[in-house]
């Protein structure tokens, strides 16, 4: 019994897609070509591998055995390729990035396919996290890079760490559509403000802006997420200042979005430990590629701009 391994992808595609036609679409061949390869594989094995049904095609017990062998062969080949990459000078290894939700959604996840294509030897993993939890993971080596946010002046990183500038993102004013239009920073004195979780960059910018107005009016509501902030604004309970990423793709009905350069920018940084950081290693290459990717791709767009 001799099996031509070049026929195995046809059987695997049928198993994964659940039918001859669907497998043909994935393989970009005709359904008859898939059927012919399956038939030849069955002749080589001497057993029926695929059972055609009214709802598609399923593997017989013999087909399952052959398909599982094909999966193992694919896995072995992939492992061999990974082992060969260092010999060709390619960067290899696992790189784990911890990041908050908006940067995951707007930048890291969209960039993921390009990074994997540019750095095929790197096993990149993205984990959503908050900064306090993320710092603990960065400290213990669970994370290689932690994405953090700061308002305006980010200050110095903790001793033993480095912050790489990544994105300067504008803060924007978000008011209920019933509020009067805002044309200058002075007009902000007439607004009622939502409260933000203390200690966050959002709270910092709110305090920075409103300290110029001694009679600032604060709403009784406090939010921790941008989704809650948008809902509170739509409910006409108050106004707030959000980063542009928090509005990208969001429904803006009931809200007025006002870009004001005087609000400043949110600083997004890539933080890493100095110990073990190497210019030739995977985390460094990933950080550099992310910066390059960002320069060529818009990470956000503010409604109304």
C-alpha atoms as a PDB file:
ATOM      1  CA  UNK A   1       0.000   0.000   0.000  1.00  0.00           C
ATOM      2  CA  UNK A   2       1.570   3.294  -1.141  1.00  0.00           C
ATOM      3  CA  UNK A   3      -0.054   6.673  -0.469  1.00  0.00           C
ATOM      4  CA  UNK A   4       0.871   9.706  -2.514  1.00  0.00           C
ATOM      5  CA  UNK A   5       1.078  12.477   0.175  1.00  0.00           C
ATOM      6  CA  UNK A   6       0.234  15.082  -2.472  1.00  0.00           C
ATOM      7  CA  UNK A   7      -3.353  13.790  -2.417  1.00  0.00           C
ATOM      8  CA  UNK A   8      -3.782  14.296   1.327  1.00  0.00           C
ATOM      9  CA  UNK A   9      -4.697  18.027   1.098  1.00  0.00           C
ATOM     10  CA  UNK A  10      -7.761  17.050  -0.939  1.00  0.00           C
ATOM     11  CA  UNK A  11      -8.975  14.653   1.751  1.00  0.00           C
ATOM     12  CA  UNK A  12      -8.190  17.152   4.508  1.00  0.00           C
ATOM     13  CA  UNK A  13     -10.116  19.904   2.735  1.00  0.00           C
ATOM     14  CA  UNK A  14     -13.158  17.666   2.340  1.00  0.00           C
ATOM     15  CA  UNK A  15     -12.975  16.820   6.059  1.00  0.00           C
ATOM     16  CA  UNK A  16     -12.636  20.471   7.091  1.00  0.00           C
ATOM     17  CA  UNK A  17     -15.184  21.953   4.697  1.00  0.00           C
ATOM     18  CA  UNK A  18     -17.737  19.136   4.819  1.00  0.00           C
ATOM     19  CA  UNK A  19     -18.156  18.669   1.082  1.00  0.00           C
ATOM     20  CA  UNK A  20     -16.509  18.222  -2.319  1.00  0.00           C
ATOM     21  CA  UNK A  21     -17.678  21.567  -3.721  1.00  0.00           C
ATOM     22  CA  UNK A  22     -16.621  23.511  -0.624  1.00  0.00           C
ATOM     23  CA  UNK A  23     -13.215  21.791  -0.684  1.00  0.00           C
ATOM     24  CA  UNK A  24     -12.841  22.689  -4.368  1.00  0.00           C
ATOM     25  CA  UNK A  25     -13.518  26.352  -3.574  1.00  0.00           C
ATOM     26  CA  UNK A  26     -10.820  26.402  -0.891  1.00  0.00           C
ATOM     27  CA  UNK A  27      -8.304  24.589  -3.088  1.00  0.00           C
ATOM     28  CA  UNK A  28      -9.263  26.699  -6.131  1.00  0.00           C
ATOM     29  CA  UNK A  29      -9.803  23.638  -8.342  1.00  0.00           C
ATOM     30  CA  UNK A  30     -12.881  22.041  -9.885  1.00  0.00           C
ATOM     31  CA  UNK A  31     -15.071  19.642  -7.866  1.00  0.00           C
ATOM     32  CA  UNK A  32     -14.255  16.912 -10.365  1.00  0.00           C
ATOM     33  CA  UNK A  33     -10.536  17.378  -9.658  1.00  0.00           C
ATOM     34  CA  UNK A  34     -11.193  16.878  -5.940  1.00  0.00           C
ATOM     35  CA  UNK A  35     -13.277  13.779  -6.635  1.00  0.00           C
ATOM     36  CA  UNK A  36     -10.569  12.327  -8.879  1.00  0.00           C
ATOM     37  CA  UNK A  37      -7.867  12.814  -6.244  1.00  0.00           C
ATOM     38  CA  UNK A  38     -10.065  11.266  -3.551  1.00  0.00           C
ATOM     39  CA  UNK A  39     -10.799   8.305  -5.837  1.00  0.00           C
ATOM     40  CA  UNK A  40      -7.094   7.741  -6.531  1.00  0.00           C
ATOM     41  CA  UNK A  41      -6.359   7.968  -2.813  1.00  0.00           C
ATOM     42  CA  UNK A  42      -9.046   5.357  -2.143  1.00  0.00           C
ATOM     43  CA  UNK A  43      -7.489   3.093  -4.790  1.00  0.00           C
ATOM     44  CA  UNK A  44      -4.085   3.467  -3.106  1.00  0.00           C
ATOM     45  CA  UNK A  45      -5.493   2.675   0.332  1.00  0.00           C
ATOM     46  CA  UNK A  46      -7.879  -0.010  -0.878  1.00  0.00           C
ATOM     47  CA  UNK A  47     -10.717   1.340   1.233  1.00  0.00           C
ATOM     48  CA  UNK A  48     -13.504   3.877   0.860  1.00  0.00           C
ATOM     49  CA  UNK A  49     -12.482   7.151   2.499  1.00  0.00           C
ATOM     50  CA  UNK A  50     -15.377   9.506   1.783  1.00  0.00           C
ATOM     51  CA  UNK A  51     -19.092   8.890   2.079  1.00  0.00           C
ATOM     52  CA  UNK A  52     -21.279  11.227   0.025  1.00  0.00           C
ATOM     53  CA  UNK A  53     -24.557  12.233   1.680  1.00  0.00           C
ATOM     54  CA  UNK A  54     -27.419  14.571   0.818  1.00  0.00           C
ATOM     55  CA  UNK A  55     -25.945  17.210   3.123  1.00  0.00           C
ATOM     56  CA  UNK A  56     -22.350  16.932   1.910  1.00  0.00           C
ATOM     57  CA  UNK A  57     -19.499  14.496   2.361  1.00  0.00           C
ATOM     58  CA  UNK A  58     -18.213  12.812   5.518  1.00  0.00           C
ATOM     59  CA  UNK A  59     -15.183  10.674   6.182  1.00  0.00           C
ATOM     60  CA  UNK A  60     -15.491   6.958   6.709  1.00  0.00           C
ATOM     61  CA  UNK A  61     -13.563   5.414   9.632  1.00  0.00           C
ATOM     62  CA  UNK A  62     -10.739   4.663   7.196  1.00  0.00           C
ATOM     63  CA  UNK A  63     -10.894   8.234   5.888  1.00  0.00           C
ATOM     64  CA  UNK A  64     -10.604   9.587   9.425  1.00  0.00           C
ATOM     65  CA  UNK A  65      -7.458   7.527  10.024  1.00  0.00           C
ATOM     66  CA  UNK A  66      -5.847   8.785   6.817  1.00  0.00           C
ATOM     67  CA  UNK A  67      -6.910  12.407   7.513  1.00  0.00           C
ATOM     68  CA  UNK A  68      -5.449  12.286  11.024  1.00  0.00           C
ATOM     69  CA  UNK A  69      -2.189  11.003   9.537  1.00  0.00           C
ATOM     70  CA  UNK A  70      -2.277  13.918   7.085  1.00  0.00           C
ATOM     71  CA  UNK A  71      -2.747  16.400   9.943  1.00  0.00           C
ATOM     72  CA  UNK A  72       0.263  14.917  11.742  1.00  0.00           C
ATOM     73  CA  UNK A  73       2.354  15.177   8.577  1.00  0.00           C
ATOM     74  CA  UNK A  74       1.387  18.841   8.193  1.00  0.00           C
ATOM     75  CA  UNK A  75       2.255  19.519  11.832  1.00  0.00           C
ATOM     76  CA  UNK A  76       5.633  17.776  11.475  1.00  0.00           C
ATOM     77  CA  UNK A  77       6.438  19.809   8.365  1.00  0.00           C
ATOM     78  CA  UNK A  78       5.517  23.055  10.134  1.00  0.00           C
ATOM     79  CA  UNK A  79       7.725  22.126  13.096  1.00  0.00           C
ATOM     80  CA  UNK A  80      10.583  21.334  10.731  1.00  0.00           C
ATOM     81  CA  UNK A  81      10.166  24.708   9.026  1.00  0.00           C
ATOM     82  CA  UNK A  82      10.250  26.462  12.415  1.00  0.00           C
ATOM     83  CA  UNK A  83      13.443  24.623  13.312  1.00  0.00           C
ATOM     84  CA  UNK A  84      15.014  25.633  10.001  1.00  0.00           C
ATOM     85  CA  UNK A  85      14.173  29.351  10.257  1.00  0.00           C
ATOM     86  CA  UNK A  86      17.005  30.264  12.657  1.00  0.00           C
ATOM     87  CA  UNK A  87      19.478  28.721  10.185  1.00  0.00           C
ATOM     88  CA  UNK A  88      18.226  31.155   7.537  1.00  0.00           C
ATOM     89  CA  UNK A  89      18.634  34.158   9.841  1.00  0.00           C
ATOM     90  CA  UNK A  90      14.901  34.557  10.527  1.00  0.00           C
ATOM     91  CA  UNK A  91      13.753  35.705  13.957  1.00  0.00           C
ATOM     92  CA  UNK A  92      11.867  33.008  15.866  1.00  0.00           C
ATOM     93  CA  UNK A  93      10.175  32.579  19.220  1.00  0.00           C
ATOM     94  CA  UNK A  94       7.024  33.529  21.088  1.00  0.00           C
ATOM     95  CA  UNK A  95       6.188  37.197  21.640  1.00  0.00           C
ATOM     96  CA  UNK A  96       3.301  38.096  23.940  1.00  0.00           C
ATOM     97  CA  UNK A  97       1.766  41.578  23.983  1.00  0.00           C
ATOM     98  CA  UNK A  98      -0.590  42.777  26.690  1.00  0.00           C
ATOM     99  CA  UNK A  99      -2.839  45.670  25.677  1.00  0.00           C
ATOM    100  CA  UNK A 100      -6.063  47.492  26.490  1.00  0.00           C
ATOM    101  CA  UNK A 101      -9.203  46.956  24.430  1.00  0.00           C
ATOM    102  CA  UNK A 102      -9.188  49.931  22.052  1.00  0.00           C
ATOM    103  CA  UNK A 103      -5.594  49.385  20.912  1.00  0.00           C
ATOM    104  CA  UNK A 104      -6.262  45.652  20.468  1.00  0.00           C
ATOM    105  CA  UNK A 105      -9.297  46.375  18.333  1.00  0.00           C
ATOM    106  CA  UNK A 106      -7.976  49.323  16.314  1.00  0.00           C
ATOM    107  CA  UNK A 107      -4.326  48.394  15.770  1.00  0.00           C
ATOM    108  CA  UNK A 108      -2.932  45.109  17.092  1.00  0.00           C
ATOM    109  CA  UNK A 109      -5.560  42.759  15.674  1.00  0.00           C
ATOM    110  CA  UNK A 110      -5.702  44.477  12.235  1.00  0.00           C
ATOM    111  CA  UNK A 111      -1.887  44.384  12.099  1.00  0.00           C
ATOM    112  CA  UNK A 112      -1.674  40.719  13.133  1.00  0.00           C
ATOM    113  CA  UNK A 113      -1.865  39.114   9.638  1.00  0.00           C
ATOM    114  CA  UNK A 114       0.798  41.485   8.291  1.00  0.00           C
ATOM    115  CA  UNK A 115       3.108  40.836  11.241  1.00  0.00           C
ATOM    116  CA  UNK A 116       2.781  37.065  10.890  1.00  0.00           C
ATOM    117  CA  UNK A 117       3.513  37.375   7.169  1.00  0.00           C
ATOM    118  CA  UNK A 118       6.533  39.636   7.739  1.00  0.00           C
ATOM    119  CA  UNK A 119       7.890  37.626  10.689  1.00  0.00           C
ATOM    120  CA  UNK A 120       6.849  34.006   9.961  1.00  0.00           C
ATOM    121  CA  UNK A 121       9.122  32.561  12.632  1.00  0.00           C
ATOM    122  CA  UNK A 122       7.469  34.576  15.417  1.00  0.00           C
ATOM    123  CA  UNK A 123       4.552  33.142  17.373  1.00  0.00           C
ATOM    124  CA  UNK A 124       2.742  36.387  18.254  1.00  0.00           C
ATOM    125  CA  UNK A 125       0.135  36.349  21.014  1.00  0.00           C
ATOM    126  CA  UNK A 126      -2.134  39.252  22.003  1.00  0.00           C
ATOM    127  CA  UNK A 127      -3.818  39.385  25.402  1.00  0.00           C
ATOM    128  CA  UNK A 128      -6.313  42.031  26.483  1.00  0.00           C
ATOM    129  CA  UNK A 129      -5.414  43.400  29.900  1.00  0.00           C
ATOM    130  CA  UNK A 130      -5.489  46.443  32.140  1.00  0.00           C
ATOM    131  CA  UNK A 131      -2.239  48.192  33.045  1.00  0.00           C
ATOM    132  CA  UNK A 132      -2.010  47.066  36.686  1.00  0.00           C
ATOM    133  CA  UNK A 133      -2.482  43.408  35.788  1.00  0.00           C
ATOM    134  CA  UNK A 134      -0.301  43.836  32.713  1.00  0.00           C
ATOM    135  CA  UNK A 135       2.600  45.274  34.689  1.00  0.00           C
ATOM    136  CA  UNK A 136       2.604  42.228  36.937  1.00  0.00           C
ATOM    137  CA  UNK A 137       2.734  39.992  33.851  1.00  0.00           C
ATOM    138  CA  UNK A 138       5.488  42.119  32.288  1.00  0.00           C
ATOM    139  CA  UNK A 139       7.500  41.999  35.504  1.00  0.00           C
ATOM    140  CA  UNK A 140       7.378  38.194  35.667  1.00  0.00           C
ATOM    141  CA  UNK A 141       8.123  37.714  31.972  1.00  0.00           C
ATOM    142  CA  UNK A 142       4.642  36.542  31.005  1.00  0.00           C
ATOM    143  CA  UNK A 143       4.459  39.547  28.663  1.00  0.00           C
ATOM    144  CA  UNK A 144       7.273  40.784  26.446  1.00  0.00           C
ATOM    145  CA  UNK A 145       5.546  44.091  25.650  1.00  0.00           C
ATOM    146  CA  UNK A 146       2.828  45.997  27.493  1.00  0.00           C
ATOM    147  CA  UNK A 147       0.863  48.720  25.705  1.00  0.00           C
ATOM    148  CA  UNK A 148       0.063  51.613  28.054  1.00  0.00           C
ATOM    149  CA  UNK A 149      -1.690  54.981  27.725  1.00  0.00           C
ATOM    150  CA  UNK A 150      -0.874  58.382  29.163  1.00  0.00           C
ATOM    151  CA  UNK A 151      -2.294  61.900  28.914  1.00  0.00           C
ATOM    152  CA  UNK A 152       0.023  64.479  27.327  1.00  0.00           C
ATOM    153  CA  UNK A 153       3.330  64.176  29.222  1.00  0.00           C
ATOM    154  CA  UNK A 154       3.879  60.452  29.836  1.00  0.00           C
ATOM    155  CA  UNK A 155       6.677  60.987  32.338  1.00  0.00           C
ATOM    156  CA  UNK A 156       9.492  58.530  32.966  1.00  0.00           C
ATOM    157  CA  UNK A 157       8.975  54.745  33.036  1.00  0.00           C
ATOM    158  CA  UNK A 158       9.747  52.781  36.203  1.00  0.00           C
ATOM    159  CA  UNK A 159      13.383  51.919  36.793  1.00  0.00           C
ATOM    160  CA  UNK A 160      14.430  48.959  34.663  1.00  0.00           C
ATOM    161  CA  UNK A 161      11.827  49.586  31.950  1.00  0.00           C
ATOM    162  CA  UNK A 162      11.720  51.501  28.665  1.00  0.00           C
ATOM    163  CA  UNK A 163       8.705  53.152  27.039  1.00  0.00           C
ATOM    164  CA  UNK A 164       8.764  53.301  23.238  1.00  0.00           C
ATOM    165  CA  UNK A 165       6.521  56.037  21.733  1.00  0.00           C
ATOM    166  CA  UNK A 166       3.907  54.354  19.579  1.00  0.00           C
ATOM    167  CA  UNK A 167       0.854  56.526  18.827  1.00  0.00           C
ATOM    168  CA  UNK A 168      -0.071  60.153  19.529  1.00  0.00           C
ATOM    169  CA  UNK A 169      -3.851  60.161  19.430  1.00  0.00           C
ATOM    170  CA  UNK A 170      -6.070  63.244  19.706  1.00  0.00           C
ATOM    171  CA  UNK A 171      -8.511  63.695  22.557  1.00  0.00           C
ATOM    172  CA  UNK A 172     -11.942  64.770  21.295  1.00  0.00           C
ATOM    173  CA  UNK A 173     -14.899  66.389  22.987  1.00  0.00           C
ATOM    174  CA  UNK A 174     -18.115  64.329  23.104  1.00  0.00           C
ATOM    175  CA  UNK A 175     -21.315  66.165  24.044  1.00  0.00           C
ATOM    176  CA  UNK A 176     -25.022  65.342  23.790  1.00  0.00           C
ATOM    177  CA  UNK A 177     -26.545  66.556  20.538  1.00  0.00           C
ATOM    178  CA  UNK A 178     -28.772  68.817  22.650  1.00  0.00           C
ATOM    179  CA  UNK A 179     -25.761  70.726  24.032  1.00  0.00           C
ATOM    180  CA  UNK A 180     -24.704  73.967  22.341  1.00  0.00           C
ATOM    181  CA  UNK A 181     -21.897  73.756  19.747  1.00  0.00           C
ATOM    182  CA  UNK A 182     -18.420  74.271  21.181  1.00  0.00           C
ATOM    183  CA  UNK A 183     -16.096  76.588  19.304  1.00  0.00           C
ATOM    184  CA  UNK A 184     -13.330  77.245  21.815  1.00  0.00           C
ATOM    185  CA  UNK A 185     -11.852  75.967  25.055  1.00  0.00           C
ATOM    186  CA  UNK A 186     -13.682  78.726  26.961  1.00  0.00           C
ATOM    187  CA  UNK A 187     -17.052  77.285  25.890  1.00  0.00           C
ATOM    188  CA  UNK A 188     -16.304  74.154  27.916  1.00  0.00           C
ATOM    189  CA  UNK A 189     -17.102  76.034  31.130  1.00  0.00           C
ATOM    190  CA  UNK A 190     -20.829  75.758  30.348  1.00  0.00           C
ATOM    191  CA  UNK A 191     -20.868  71.946  30.129  1.00  0.00           C
ATOM    192  CA  UNK A 192     -21.834  69.339  32.709  1.00  0.00           C
ATOM    193  CA  UNK A 193     -19.151  66.670  32.889  1.00  0.00           C
ATOM    194  CA  UNK A 194     -19.327  62.931  33.416  1.00  0.00           C
ATOM    195  CA  UNK A 195     -16.945  61.539  35.977  1.00  0.00           C
ATOM    196  CA  UNK A 196     -14.286  58.981  35.009  1.00  0.00           C
ATOM    197  CA  UNK A 197     -12.635  56.248  37.074  1.00  0.00           C
ATOM    198  CA  UNK A 198      -9.941  58.009  39.153  1.00  0.00           C
ATOM    199  CA  UNK A 199      -6.330  57.454  38.172  1.00  0.00           C
ATOM    200  CA  UNK A 200      -6.996  56.678  34.509  1.00  0.00           C
ATOM    201  CA  UNK A 201      -5.644  58.739  31.620  1.00  0.00           C
ATOM    202  CA  UNK A 202      -9.240  59.753  30.858  1.00  0.00           C
ATOM    203  CA  UNK A 203      -9.638  61.097  34.393  1.00  0.00           C
ATOM    204  CA  UNK A 204      -6.310  62.907  34.056  1.00  0.00           C
ATOM    205  CA  UNK A 205      -7.336  64.777  30.910  1.00  0.00           C
ATOM    206  CA  UNK A 206     -10.724  65.675  32.397  1.00  0.00           C
ATOM    207  CA  UNK A 207      -9.054  67.150  35.488  1.00  0.00           C
ATOM    208  CA  UNK A 208      -6.460  68.924  33.367  1.00  0.00           C
ATOM    209  CA  UNK A 209      -9.080  70.604  31.197  1.00  0.00           C
ATOM    210  CA  UNK A 210     -11.663  71.439  33.861  1.00  0.00           C
ATOM    211  CA  UNK A 211      -9.226  72.870  36.436  1.00  0.00           C
ATOM    212  CA  UNK A 212      -9.419  76.148  34.488  1.00  0.00           C
ATOM    213  CA  UNK A 213     -13.103  76.403  35.423  1.00  0.00           C
ATOM    214  CA  UNK A 214     -13.619  76.867  39.184  1.00  0.00           C
ATOM    215  CA  UNK A 215     -17.373  76.321  38.931  1.00  0.00           C
ATOM    216  CA  UNK A 216     -17.221  73.052  36.999  1.00  0.00           C
ATOM    217  CA  UNK A 217     -20.496  71.119  37.080  1.00  0.00           C
ATOM    218  CA  UNK A 218     -20.132  67.349  37.529  1.00  0.00           C
ATOM    219  CA  UNK A 219     -22.845  64.825  36.712  1.00  0.00           C
ATOM    220  CA  UNK A 220     -23.550  62.143  39.353  1.00  0.00           C
ATOM    221  CA  UNK A 221     -22.628  59.368  36.924  1.00  0.00           C
ATOM    222  CA  UNK A 222     -19.196  57.689  36.706  1.00  0.00           C
ATOM    223  CA  UNK A 223     -17.976  55.431  33.897  1.00  0.00           C
ATOM    224  CA  UNK A 224     -15.124  52.978  33.476  1.00  0.00           C
ATOM    225  CA  UNK A 225     -15.594  51.913  29.841  1.00  0.00           C
ATOM    226  CA  UNK A 226     -15.925  53.928  26.657  1.00  0.00           C
ATOM    227  CA  UNK A 227     -19.137  52.077  25.831  1.00  0.00           C
ATOM    228  CA  UNK A 228     -20.693  53.343  29.063  1.00  0.00           C
ATOM    229  CA  UNK A 229     -19.372  56.850  28.354  1.00  0.00           C
ATOM    230  CA  UNK A 230     -21.026  56.937  24.930  1.00  0.00           C
ATOM    231  CA  UNK A 231     -24.306  55.611  26.353  1.00  0.00           C
ATOM    232  CA  UNK A 232     -24.326  58.264  29.084  1.00  0.00           C
ATOM    233  CA  UNK A 233     -23.677  61.015  26.552  1.00  0.00           C
ATOM    234  CA  UNK A 234     -26.466  59.722  24.289  1.00  0.00           C
ATOM    235  CA  UNK A 235     -28.749  59.752  27.333  1.00  0.00           C
ATOM    236  CA  UNK A 236     -27.906  63.472  27.667  1.00  0.00           C
ATOM    237  CA  UNK A 237     -26.560  63.081  31.192  1.00  0.00           C
ATOM    238  CA  UNK A 238     -23.290  64.917  30.546  1.00  0.00           C
ATOM    239  CA  UNK A 239     -20.251  65.461  28.347  1.00  0.00           C
ATOM    240  CA  UNK A 240     -16.804  63.926  28.338  1.00  0.00           C
ATOM    241  CA  UNK A 241     -13.438  63.787  26.558  1.00  0.00           C
ATOM    242  CA  UNK A 242     -12.529  60.554  24.786  1.00  0.00           C
ATOM    243  CA  UNK A 243      -9.643  59.352  22.654  1.00  0.00           C
ATOM    244  CA  UNK A 244     -10.446  59.171  18.943  1.00  0.00           C
ATOM    245  CA  UNK A 245     -10.091  55.374  18.975  1.00  0.00           C
ATOM    246  CA  UNK A 246     -13.023  55.137  21.373  1.00  0.00           C
ATOM    247  CA  UNK A 247     -15.265  56.573  18.640  1.00  0.00           C
ATOM    248  CA  UNK A 248     -13.948  54.698  15.603  1.00  0.00           C
ATOM    249  CA  UNK A 249     -16.795  52.613  14.211  1.00  0.00           C
ATOM    250  CA  UNK A 250     -19.142  53.602  17.063  1.00  0.00           C
ATOM    251  CA  UNK A 251     -22.717  54.774  16.604  1.00  0.00           C
ATOM    252  CA  UNK A 252     -22.694  58.535  17.116  1.00  0.00           C
ATOM    253  CA  UNK A 253     -26.458  59.172  17.043  1.00  0.00           C
ATOM    254  CA  UNK A 254     -27.351  61.481  19.906  1.00  0.00           C
ATOM    255  CA  UNK A 255     -23.770  62.726  20.254  1.00  0.00           C
ATOM    256  CA  UNK A 256     -21.842  65.695  18.903  1.00  0.00           C
ATOM    257  CA  UNK A 257     -18.141  65.039  18.244  1.00  0.00           C
ATOM    258  CA  UNK A 258     -15.911  68.120  18.392  1.00  0.00           C
ATOM    259  CA  UNK A 259     -12.176  67.875  17.673  1.00  0.00           C
ATOM    260  CA  UNK A 260     -10.317  70.590  19.602  1.00  0.00           C
ATOM    261  CA  UNK A 261      -6.524  70.746  19.205  1.00  0.00           C
ATOM    262  CA  UNK A 262      -6.272  72.457  22.596  1.00  0.00           C
ATOM    263  CA  UNK A 263      -7.427  69.221  24.283  1.00  0.00           C
ATOM    264  CA  UNK A 264      -4.042  67.664  23.513  1.00  0.00           C
ATOM    265  CA  UNK A 265      -3.192  64.049  22.750  1.00  0.00           C
ATOM    266  CA  UNK A 266      -3.252  60.666  24.382  1.00  0.00           C
ATOM    267  CA  UNK A 267       0.187  59.046  24.335  1.00  0.00           C
ATOM    268  CA  UNK A 268       0.272  55.315  23.637  1.00  0.00           C
ATOM    269  CA  UNK A 269       3.542  53.612  24.523  1.00  0.00           C
ATOM    270  CA  UNK A 270       5.116  50.168  24.198  1.00  0.00           C
ATOM    271  CA  UNK A 271       6.720  49.278  27.529  1.00  0.00           C
ATOM    272  CA  UNK A 272       9.341  46.554  27.950  1.00  0.00           C
ATOM    273  CA  UNK A 273      11.814  45.389  30.561  1.00  0.00           C
ATOM    274  CA  UNK A 274      15.408  46.364  29.887  1.00  0.00           C
ATOM    275  CA  UNK A 275      16.728  43.051  31.148  1.00  0.00           C
ATOM    276  CA  UNK A 276      16.883  40.540  28.310  1.00  0.00           C
ATOM    277  CA  UNK A 277      15.834  43.037  25.630  1.00  0.00           C
ATOM    278  CA  UNK A 278      17.910  42.435  22.504  1.00  0.00           C
ATOM    279  CA  UNK A 279      17.908  44.338  19.209  1.00  0.00           C
ATOM    280  CA  UNK A 280      17.921  41.058  17.280  1.00  0.00           C
ATOM    281  CA  UNK A 281      15.194  39.305  19.259  1.00  0.00           C
ATOM    282  CA  UNK A 282      11.553  38.764  18.376  1.00  0.00           C
ATOM    283  CA  UNK A 283      10.008  41.382  20.723  1.00  0.00           C
ATOM    284  CA  UNK A 284      12.237  44.111  19.286  1.00  0.00           C
ATOM    285  CA  UNK A 285      11.352  43.140  15.736  1.00  0.00           C
ATOM    286  CA  UNK A 286       7.642  43.054  16.566  1.00  0.00           C
ATOM    287  CA  UNK A 287       7.792  46.499  18.216  1.00  0.00           C
ATOM    288  CA  UNK A 288       9.633  47.923  15.206  1.00  0.00           C
ATOM    289  CA  UNK A 289       7.180  46.370  12.764  1.00  0.00           C
ATOM    290  CA  UNK A 290       4.200  47.724  14.714  1.00  0.00           C
ATOM    291  CA  UNK A 291       5.631  51.240  14.531  1.00  0.00           C
ATOM    292  CA  UNK A 292       6.188  50.852  10.797  1.00  0.00           C
ATOM    293  CA  UNK A 293       2.715  49.381  10.277  1.00  0.00           C
ATOM    294  CA  UNK A 294       1.157  52.279  12.152  1.00  0.00           C
ATOM    295  CA  UNK A 295       2.896  54.799   9.899  1.00  0.00           C
ATOM    296  CA  UNK A 296       1.235  53.251   6.847  1.00  0.00           C
ATOM    297  CA  UNK A 297      -2.194  52.470   8.300  1.00  0.00           C
ATOM    298  CA  UNK A 298      -4.715  54.771   9.941  1.00  0.00           C
ATOM    299  CA  UNK A 299      -5.432  53.381  13.392  1.00  0.00           C
ATOM    300  CA  UNK A 300      -8.544  55.457  13.865  1.00  0.00           C
ATOM    301  CA  UNK A 301     -10.765  58.056  12.289  1.00  0.00           C
ATOM    302  CA  UNK A 302     -12.813  60.564  14.213  1.00  0.00           C
ATOM    303  CA  UNK A 303     -16.461  60.885  13.094  1.00  0.00           C
ATOM    304  CA  UNK A 304     -17.068  64.265  11.549  1.00  0.00           C
ATOM    305  CA  UNK A 305     -13.462  64.824  10.488  1.00  0.00           C
END
